[in-house]
Amino acid sequence: MKRPPSDRKRLARAFGVAPKRRGAAVTTTGIMAGLGALGATFLFFPAAILGAGVAGFMVRERVKVGRGLREVENWGFPVTGYREWLLALEPTFDIELRREIPVEVMEESIAAIDPSIVVRRPSERVYRIVTPRVALPGHKAGAPVVHLGDRDLLRRLHDAVLAPLHADIGIVALRMGDLATVVKLLPAPAQPEAPTGDVFREPAMAAPPALQALVQVGTSAPVARDARRLGKRAERILHAAGATPAGLGTVLGITAAGTVMVVQFFPPAWWVGTAGGFIGGVITAISTNLRNAAAVANLLPPQRFPIDGYDDWLLSGRPVFDLELLGLADRDELAAKLRSIMAFSVEANQAVRWVEDIAWLSSTRVRIETRPTLIHPSRRIEPFYGGSHQLFKKMLQDVLEPLHASIGIAAIHMGGNVDRRI
């Protein structure tokens, strides 16, 4: 079993630093330098170049990680423990406010961002937030999964909750880390506030308007579509759907055809045919992939209700979809049918339920979260988590089509978050 990645590698992955195999370069540099010291002085120059390259990469990595760790410093209030939070087993942070607000407002506003977040109140002005981690697949098949605090979720929490809280009430400090260590931190003593405005107003009930609005919206917000920002999107979609994207074979085939065509009429200009064929091959491969990716929903069996966002769902490490019904369904019966679909987990080495969470947003709208599948595409694209094309086809056949026949399905809205959360 491979060792888990070091903290240095995990932090580099958190801030998008591309992995480099430094061991081979360092070993080669040492061997060349040793041979140079023994008399092969001509090896000193390549050894110096290799050494400079390794040192340059290490410096760039440190600079990028350091810049990333400082990204919370411009939030306008003291933040400590960000590095520990990223590496934590249970990422947790304490929000210490200048005055108390109703715990229900904090719980419901944060649940509107993500219901899996746990909210506690260890003291009057301190709210403890325990967030899920993300699981990032290794850069190649067989590499260990990288677990980190969810930066994207933290950014959303800052924009929707922390920033309004600080603007309206004031955040004394934000203490971050692992749950096991954060519980040992004690907040500073409360500072009395001078009365302003209506002195008869109960301060504890003055929840920020932005949080009140967030509570009103609740979890009824549409599913996320984070996958739209991914690179090589068309190729990813086709890999996730089990199709083969056009690639090098298409380019080489059209290049060869262009070369042969020109050689038949004017052999000295063979390079014109090669260049033209290569350009045409690249354009054909790209346009074919874009066209096929746009029609990926056609790979599903014919259905009598609209499905939107299927391509985003295929690329989501947290695949979610909203099922809108035309009538009232038996919730227990529907949940039993949904949870009857099984998937094989490589991590657990056994069959597990494919549907991980079922949440009713209204009497006719239910949000369904499924277990992601690890997809190993071509060498040009690193492994990624996404929705299972085969299991959704099974759900269509076994659950959704019969449900549409008995009650009626108005639409299915699909999407999710790119990173898998655990």
Protein backbone atom coordinates (compact mmCIF):
# COMPACT_ATOMS: atom_id res chain seq x y z
CA MET A 1 0.00 0.00 0.00
CA LYS A 2 1.36 3.39 -0.99
CA ARG A 3 2.13 5.94 1.68
CA PRO A 4 -0.24 8.93 1.93
CA PRO A 5 1.10 12.15 0.42
CA SER A 6 3.18 14.43 2.63
CA ASP A 7 1.87 17.76 3.95
CA ARG A 8 4.08 19.56 1.42
CA LYS A 9 2.52 17.67 -1.48
CA ARG A 10 -0.98 18.17 -0.10
CA LEU A 11 -0.50 21.92 0.22
CA ALA A 12 0.99 22.06 -3.27
CA ARG A 13 -2.08 20.24 -4.59
CA ALA A 14 -4.40 22.58 -2.68
CA PHE A 15 -3.00 25.61 -4.52
CA GLY A 16 -2.66 24.01 -7.95
CA VAL A 17 1.10 23.44 -8.04
CA ALA A 18 1.82 20.85 -10.75
CA PRO A 19 3.61 17.77 -9.38
CA LYS A 20 7.26 17.23 -10.31
CA ARG A 21 9.40 14.14 -9.83
CA ARG A 22 12.28 15.84 -8.06
CA GLY A 23 13.88 12.66 -6.77
CA ALA A 24 15.25 11.53 -10.14
CA ALA A 25 16.55 15.03 -10.93
CA VAL A 26 18.28 15.35 -7.53
CA THR A 27 19.83 11.89 -7.86
CA THR A 28 21.07 12.60 -11.37
CA THR A 29 22.51 15.94 -10.26
CA GLY A 30 24.36 14.26 -7.39
CA ILE A 31 25.79 11.54 -9.63
CA MET A 32 26.99 14.08 -12.21
CA ALA A 33 28.54 16.26 -9.52
CA GLY A 34 30.28 13.23 -7.99
CA LEU A 35 31.67 12.13 -11.35
CA GLY A 36 32.82 15.68 -11.95
CA ALA A 37 34.69 15.68 -8.67
CA LEU A 38 36.39 12.44 -9.72
CA GLY A 39 37.76 13.99 -12.88
CA ALA A 40 34.91 14.20 -15.40
CA THR A 41 34.77 17.97 -15.04
CA PHE A 42 32.64 18.39 -18.18
CA LEU A 43 29.69 17.04 -16.12
CA PHE A 44 29.74 20.01 -13.75
CA PHE A 45 27.88 22.17 -16.26
CA PRO A 46 24.83 19.88 -16.82
CA ALA A 47 24.80 19.14 -13.08
CA ALA A 48 24.62 22.87 -12.37
CA ILE A 49 21.76 23.29 -14.87
CA LEU A 50 19.78 20.43 -13.33
CA GLY A 51 20.42 21.74 -9.83
CA ALA A 52 19.28 25.23 -10.82
CA GLY A 53 16.11 23.77 -12.35
CA VAL A 54 15.26 21.81 -9.19
CA ALA A 55 15.98 24.82 -6.98
CA GLY A 56 13.85 27.05 -9.21
CA PHE A 57 10.90 24.69 -9.00
CA MET A 58 11.21 24.46 -5.21
CA VAL A 59 11.26 28.24 -4.92
CA ARG A 60 8.21 28.61 -7.21
CA GLU A 61 6.35 25.99 -5.20
CA ARG A 62 7.11 27.75 -1.92
CA VAL A 63 6.10 31.13 -3.32
CA LYS A 64 2.78 29.85 -4.71
CA VAL A 65 1.90 27.93 -1.54
CA GLY A 66 2.90 30.90 0.62
CA ARG A 67 0.74 33.22 -1.47
CA GLY A 68 -2.16 30.80 -1.14
CA LEU A 69 -1.83 30.56 2.63
CA ARG A 70 -2.03 34.37 2.79
CA GLU A 71 -5.29 34.55 0.82
CA VAL A 72 -7.34 34.89 4.03
CA GLU A 73 -5.34 37.87 5.31
CA ASN A 74 -7.43 40.41 3.37
CA TRP A 75 -10.75 39.38 4.91
CA GLY A 76 -10.69 42.33 7.30
CA PHE A 77 -10.53 40.38 10.58
CA PRO A 78 -7.84 38.23 12.24
CA VAL A 79 -7.60 34.68 10.84
CA THR A 80 -5.27 32.06 12.31
CA GLY A 81 -4.63 28.38 11.60
CA TYR A 82 -5.46 28.34 7.88
CA ARG A 83 -2.66 25.86 7.10
CA GLU A 84 -3.79 23.52 9.88
CA TRP A 85 -7.39 23.75 8.62
CA LEU A 86 -6.36 22.70 5.10
CA LEU A 87 -4.55 19.62 6.46
CA ALA A 88 -7.05 18.76 9.19
CA LEU A 89 -8.87 15.46 9.60
CA GLU A 90 -12.00 17.42 10.59
CA PRO A 91 -11.57 21.00 9.28
CA THR A 92 -13.06 23.33 11.86
CA PHE A 93 -13.09 27.04 12.59
CA ASP A 94 -14.49 29.16 15.42
CA ILE A 95 -16.16 32.49 14.64
CA GLU A 96 -16.00 34.90 17.57
CA LEU A 97 -18.49 37.77 17.14
CA ARG A 98 -18.68 41.08 18.94
CA ARG A 99 -22.19 40.20 20.08
CA GLU A 100 -24.50 37.22 20.00
CA ILE A 101 -26.97 36.34 17.24
CA PRO A 102 -29.61 33.59 17.31
CA VAL A 103 -27.96 30.22 16.79
CA GLU A 104 -30.88 29.21 14.55
CA VAL A 105 -29.99 31.97 12.10
CA MET A 106 -26.39 30.77 11.92
CA GLU A 107 -27.44 27.14 11.52
CA GLU A 108 -30.03 27.79 8.81
CA SER A 109 -27.92 30.26 6.84
CA ILE A 110 -24.95 27.88 6.77
CA ALA A 111 -27.23 24.94 5.93
CA ALA A 112 -28.33 26.95 2.90
CA ILE A 113 -24.72 26.83 1.72
CA ASP A 114 -24.21 23.14 2.52
CA PRO A 115 -26.44 21.02 4.79
CA SER A 116 -23.51 18.74 5.66
CA ILE A 117 -21.77 21.51 7.63
CA VAL A 118 -22.08 21.11 11.41
CA VAL A 119 -22.73 24.24 13.51
CA ARG A 120 -22.17 24.37 17.26
CA ARG A 121 -22.09 27.17 19.84
CA PRO A 122 -19.48 26.53 22.56
CA SER A 123 -20.13 29.97 24.13
CA GLU A 124 -22.41 32.96 23.70
CA ARG A 125 -20.43 34.76 21.01
CA VAL A 126 -18.56 31.81 19.49
CA TYR A 127 -19.91 29.58 16.72
CA ARG A 128 -18.00 26.44 15.76
CA ILE A 129 -18.21 25.38 12.09
CA VAL A 130 -17.13 21.86 11.12
CA THR A 131 -16.84 21.48 7.35
CA PRO A 132 -16.39 18.39 5.13
CA ARG A 133 -13.12 17.67 3.37
CA VAL A 134 -12.57 17.24 -0.35
CA ALA A 135 -10.97 14.14 -1.85
CA LEU A 136 -8.82 14.88 -4.89
CA PRO A 137 -7.79 11.86 -7.00
CA GLY A 138 -4.12 11.15 -7.55
CA HIS A 139 -2.42 12.54 -10.63
CA LYS A 140 -2.17 9.03 -12.09
CA ALA A 141 -3.81 5.64 -11.69
CA GLY A 142 -2.97 4.00 -8.38
CA ALA A 143 -1.78 7.22 -6.72
CA PRO A 144 -3.26 7.89 -3.25
CA VAL A 145 -6.19 10.25 -2.85
CA VAL A 146 -5.36 13.71 -1.44
CA HIS A 147 -7.65 14.93 1.37
CA LEU A 148 -7.87 18.65 2.07
CA GLY A 149 -10.08 21.30 3.61
CA ASP A 150 -12.55 22.59 1.02
CA ARG A 151 -11.24 25.97 -0.17
CA ASP A 152 -14.14 26.50 -2.53
CA LEU A 153 -16.66 25.90 0.25
CA LEU A 154 -14.72 28.24 2.55
CA ARG A 155 -14.79 30.93 -0.13
CA ARG A 156 -18.56 30.57 -0.47
CA LEU A 157 -18.97 30.72 3.31
CA HIS A 158 -16.91 33.90 3.42
CA ASP A 159 -18.89 35.63 0.67
CA ALA A 160 -22.34 34.60 1.92
CA VAL A 161 -21.89 34.47 5.71
CA LEU A 162 -18.59 35.76 7.11
CA ALA A 163 -18.38 39.01 5.14
CA PRO A 164 -21.99 40.07 6.00
CA LEU A 165 -21.41 39.10 9.65
CA HIS A 166 -18.28 41.23 9.86
CA ALA A 167 -19.90 44.19 8.11
CA ASP A 168 -23.03 44.17 10.27
CA ILE A 169 -21.85 42.82 13.63
CA GLY A 170 -18.08 42.45 13.57
CA ILE A 171 -15.89 39.38 13.79
CA VAL A 172 -13.34 39.53 16.60
CA ALA A 173 -11.34 36.54 15.33
CA LEU A 174 -11.56 33.44 13.17
CA ARG A 175 -9.59 30.51 14.63
CA MET A 176 -9.04 27.62 12.24
CA GLY A 177 -7.62 24.13 12.60
CA ASP A 178 -8.65 20.55 13.34
CA LEU A 179 -11.66 19.86 15.55
CA ALA A 180 -9.44 18.10 18.07
CA THR A 181 -7.29 21.24 18.56
CA VAL A 182 -9.85 24.01 18.06
CA VAL A 183 -11.92 22.82 21.02
CA LYS A 184 -8.99 23.72 23.29
CA LEU A 185 -9.00 27.37 22.21
CA LEU A 186 -10.87 29.81 24.42
CA PRO A 187 -12.35 33.10 23.16
CA ALA A 188 -11.33 36.45 24.56
CA PRO A 189 -13.56 37.96 27.26
CA ALA A 190 -16.60 39.81 25.90
CA GLN A 191 -16.18 43.56 25.45
CA PRO A 192 -19.22 45.66 26.40
CA GLU A 193 -20.72 47.68 23.56
CA ALA A 194 -21.90 51.24 23.83
CA PRO A 195 -25.64 51.46 23.05
CA THR A 196 -26.42 52.96 19.66
CA GLY A 197 -29.71 53.61 17.94
CA ASP A 198 -32.70 51.98 19.60
CA VAL A 199 -31.49 51.03 23.08
CA PHE A 200 -34.56 48.84 23.56
CA ARG A 201 -33.63 46.61 20.61
CA GLU A 202 -32.44 43.14 21.65
CA PRO A 203 -28.90 42.82 20.23
CA ALA A 204 -29.07 39.04 20.07
CA MET A 205 -31.99 39.22 17.67
CA ALA A 206 -30.33 41.63 15.24
CA ALA A 207 -29.29 39.10 12.62
CA PRO A 208 -27.62 40.56 9.53
CA PRO A 209 -30.09 41.11 6.66
CA ALA A 210 -27.87 39.09 4.31
CA LEU A 211 -28.12 36.06 6.60
CA GLN A 212 -31.88 36.50 6.96
CA ALA A 213 -32.17 36.53 3.17
CA LEU A 214 -30.00 33.40 2.96
CA VAL A 215 -32.30 31.65 5.43
CA GLN A 216 -35.30 32.65 3.30
CA VAL A 217 -33.71 31.10 0.21
CA GLY A 218 -32.65 28.01 2.16
CA THR A 219 -31.66 24.95 0.19
CA SER A 220 -34.08 25.82 -2.62
CA ALA A 221 -31.26 27.38 -4.64
CA PRO A 222 -30.62 25.60 -7.95
CA VAL A 223 -27.95 22.92 -8.15
CA ALA A 224 -24.41 24.16 -8.67
CA ARG A 225 -22.80 23.97 -12.11
CA ASP A 226 -19.15 24.26 -11.10
CA ALA A 227 -17.94 21.94 -13.86
CA ARG A 228 -18.43 24.59 -16.52
CA ARG A 229 -15.09 26.17 -15.57
CA LEU A 230 -13.03 23.01 -16.19
CA GLY A 231 -10.41 22.82 -18.93
CA LYS A 232 -10.59 20.20 -21.70
CA ARG A 233 -14.28 20.03 -20.88
CA ALA A 234 -15.46 18.34 -24.08
CA GLU A 235 -12.92 15.52 -23.79
CA ARG A 236 -13.76 15.03 -20.11
CA ILE A 237 -17.47 14.74 -20.89
CA LEU A 238 -16.89 12.09 -23.54
CA HIS A 239 -14.59 10.06 -21.26
CA ALA A 240 -17.16 10.25 -18.44
CA ALA A 241 -19.91 9.06 -20.79
CA GLY A 242 -17.84 6.10 -21.94
CA ALA A 243 -17.23 7.53 -25.42
CA THR A 244 -13.88 7.94 -27.15
CA PRO A 245 -12.97 11.53 -28.04
CA ALA A 246 -11.25 12.40 -31.29
CA GLY A 247 -7.54 12.86 -30.73
CA LEU A 248 -4.14 12.10 -32.15
CA GLY A 249 -5.42 9.38 -34.47
CA THR A 250 -7.79 11.82 -36.18
CA VAL A 251 -5.05 14.44 -36.54
CA LEU A 252 -2.52 11.96 -37.98
CA GLY A 253 -5.08 10.48 -40.38
CA ILE A 254 -6.06 13.83 -41.87
CA THR A 255 -2.41 14.93 -41.95
CA ALA A 256 -1.45 11.83 -43.94
CA ALA A 257 -4.41 12.30 -46.30
CA GLY A 258 -3.40 15.92 -46.95
CA THR A 259 0.22 14.93 -47.62
CA VAL A 260 -0.74 12.16 -50.08
CA MET A 261 -3.18 14.40 -51.92
CA VAL A 262 -0.58 17.13 -52.53
CA VAL A 263 2.18 14.64 -53.45
CA GLN A 264 -0.01 13.18 -56.23
CA PHE A 265 -0.15 16.54 -58.02
CA PHE A 266 3.04 18.36 -57.02
CA PRO A 267 5.54 16.28 -54.96
CA PRO A 268 7.96 19.13 -54.09
CA ALA A 269 5.15 20.83 -52.13
CA TRP A 270 4.50 17.85 -49.86
CA TRP A 271 5.09 20.01 -46.80
CA VAL A 272 2.12 22.20 -47.79
CA GLY A 273 -0.16 19.17 -47.69
CA THR A 274 1.33 18.04 -44.38
CA ALA A 275 0.88 21.45 -42.75
CA GLY A 276 -2.62 21.89 -44.15
CA GLY A 277 -3.62 18.36 -43.15
CA PHE A 278 -2.28 18.87 -39.63
CA ILE A 279 -4.21 22.13 -39.16
CA GLY A 280 -7.33 20.55 -40.61
CA GLY A 281 -6.92 17.52 -38.36
CA VAL A 282 -6.66 19.64 -35.22
CA ILE A 283 -9.72 21.67 -36.20
CA THR A 284 -11.67 18.52 -37.02
CA ALA A 285 -10.75 16.83 -33.73
CA ILE A 286 -11.74 19.87 -31.67
CA SER A 287 -15.02 20.48 -33.51
CA THR A 288 -15.94 16.78 -33.36
CA ASN A 289 -15.36 16.65 -29.61
CA LEU A 290 -17.37 19.82 -29.03
CA ARG A 291 -20.24 18.51 -31.15
CA ASN A 292 -20.28 15.09 -29.50
CA ALA A 293 -20.01 16.56 -25.99
CA ALA A 294 -22.96 18.88 -26.66
CA ALA A 295 -25.05 15.83 -27.64
CA VAL A 296 -23.91 13.58 -24.79
CA ALA A 297 -27.45 13.39 -23.37
CA ASN A 298 -28.37 11.49 -26.55
CA LEU A 299 -26.32 8.58 -25.19
CA LEU A 300 -29.05 8.07 -22.58
CA PRO A 301 -32.11 5.93 -23.35
CA PRO A 302 -35.03 7.96 -24.76
CA GLN A 303 -37.06 9.59 -21.97
CA ARG A 304 -40.34 11.48 -21.94
CA PHE A 305 -39.22 14.32 -19.67
CA PRO A 306 -36.54 17.02 -20.05
CA ILE A 307 -33.07 16.61 -18.53
CA ASP A 308 -30.71 19.57 -18.34
CA GLY A 309 -27.17 19.82 -17.03
CA TYR A 310 -26.29 16.18 -17.64
CA ASP A 311 -22.84 17.12 -18.95
CA ASP A 312 -22.11 19.15 -15.77
CA TRP A 313 -23.28 16.23 -13.61
CA LEU A 314 -20.91 13.84 -15.40
CA LEU A 315 -17.95 16.06 -14.42
CA SER A 316 -18.98 16.70 -10.80
CA GLY A 317 -17.12 15.05 -7.94
CA ARG A 318 -20.26 15.67 -5.93
CA PRO A 319 -22.99 14.71 -8.44
CA VAL A 320 -26.39 16.18 -7.52
CA PHE A 321 -29.68 16.50 -9.34
CA ASP A 322 -33.12 17.90 -8.56
CA LEU A 323 -36.14 15.78 -9.46
CA GLU A 324 -39.29 17.85 -10.07
CA LEU A 325 -42.51 15.83 -9.89
CA LEU A 326 -45.96 16.59 -11.25
CA GLY A 327 -47.67 14.99 -8.25
CA LEU A 328 -47.12 13.78 -4.70
CA ALA A 329 -44.95 10.70 -4.26
CA ASP A 330 -44.67 8.23 -1.42
CA ARG A 331 -41.34 9.43 0.02
CA ASP A 332 -40.43 6.20 1.77
CA GLU A 333 -41.18 4.11 -1.29
CA LEU A 334 -39.21 6.42 -3.60
CA ALA A 335 -36.25 6.46 -1.18
CA ALA A 336 -36.25 2.67 -1.01
CA LYS A 337 -36.18 2.37 -4.81
CA LEU A 338 -33.42 4.96 -5.14
CA ARG A 339 -31.26 3.33 -2.46
CA SER A 340 -31.69 -0.10 -4.04
CA ILE A 341 -29.21 0.85 -6.77
CA MET A 342 -25.78 -0.42 -5.76
CA ALA A 343 -22.29 0.59 -6.84
CA PHE A 344 -18.97 -1.12 -6.22
CA SER A 345 -16.58 0.88 -4.04
CA VAL A 346 -12.90 0.27 -4.68
CA GLU A 347 -12.07 2.04 -1.40
CA ALA A 348 -14.37 -0.22 0.66
CA ASN A 349 -13.88 -3.23 -1.64
CA GLN A 350 -17.59 -4.00 -1.51
CA ALA A 351 -20.95 -2.98 -2.92
CA VAL A 352 -22.37 0.26 -1.48
CA ARG A 353 -25.49 2.32 -2.06
CA TRP A 354 -25.08 4.61 -5.03
CA VAL A 355 -27.51 7.25 -3.73
CA GLU A 356 -25.87 8.93 -0.74
CA ASP A 357 -28.40 11.58 0.24
CA ILE A 358 -32.07 12.39 -0.43
CA ALA A 359 -33.45 15.79 0.63
CA TRP A 360 -36.98 17.02 -0.04
CA LEU A 361 -36.92 20.73 -0.89
CA SER A 362 -40.70 20.92 -1.35
CA SER A 363 -43.64 18.56 -1.67
CA THR A 364 -42.79 17.91 -5.33
CA ARG A 365 -39.05 18.60 -5.52
CA VAL A 366 -36.36 16.29 -4.19
CA ARG A 367 -32.57 16.71 -4.34
CA ILE A 368 -30.59 13.50 -4.86
CA GLU A 369 -26.85 13.18 -4.31
CA THR A 370 -25.06 10.15 -5.74
CA ARG A 371 -21.71 8.56 -5.11
CA PRO A 372 -19.08 9.73 -7.64
CA THR A 373 -17.08 7.44 -9.90
CA LEU A 374 -13.32 7.74 -10.40
CA ILE A 375 -12.69 8.19 -14.13
CA HIS A 376 -9.31 7.45 -15.72
CA PRO A 377 -9.16 9.32 -19.04
CA SER A 378 -6.24 9.68 -21.45
CA ARG A 379 -2.74 10.84 -20.54
CA ARG A 380 -3.65 14.41 -21.45
CA ILE A 381 -6.20 14.56 -18.60
CA GLU A 382 -5.62 13.58 -14.98
CA PRO A 383 -8.06 11.20 -13.25
CA PHE A 384 -11.19 12.91 -11.93
CA TYR A 385 -14.40 12.12 -10.07
CA GLY A 386 -17.71 12.37 -11.89
CA GLY A 387 -21.25 11.05 -12.13
CA SER A 388 -21.72 7.45 -13.28
CA HIS A 389 -23.20 7.29 -16.76
CA GLN A 390 -24.00 3.57 -16.49
CA LEU A 391 -25.70 3.81 -13.09
CA PHE A 392 -27.80 6.80 -14.12
CA LYS A 393 -29.00 4.80 -17.13
CA LYS A 394 -30.01 2.06 -14.68
CA MET A 395 -31.82 4.60 -12.50
CA LEU A 396 -33.69 5.88 -15.54
CA GLN A 397 -34.83 2.39 -16.43
CA ASP A 398 -35.60 1.03 -12.96
CA VAL A 399 -36.85 4.10 -11.05
CA LEU A 400 -37.44 7.26 -13.04
CA GLU A 401 -39.36 5.91 -16.04
CA PRO A 402 -41.82 3.96 -13.81
CA LEU A 403 -42.13 7.06 -11.58
CA HIS A 404 -42.97 9.19 -14.62
CA ALA A 405 -45.59 6.67 -15.71
CA SER A 406 -47.31 6.71 -12.30
CA ILE A 407 -46.93 10.31 -11.10
CA GLY A 408 -45.16 12.32 -13.79
CA ILE A 409 -41.77 14.02 -13.87
CA ALA A 410 -41.73 17.69 -14.84
CA ALA A 411 -37.94 17.92 -15.29
CA ILE A 412 -34.56 16.80 -13.96
CA HIS A 413 -31.97 19.51 -13.26
CA MET A 414 -28.45 18.11 -12.89
CA GLY A 415 -25.09 19.49 -11.78
CA GLY A 416 -22.95 19.49 -8.65
CA ASN A 417 -19.57 20.55 -7.28
CA VAL A 418 -16.30 19.64 -9.01
CA ASP A 419 -14.52 18.38 -5.90
CA ARG A 420 -15.68 15.28 -4.10
CA ARG A 421 -16.63 15.94 -0.47
CA ILE A 422 -16.32 13.42 2.32
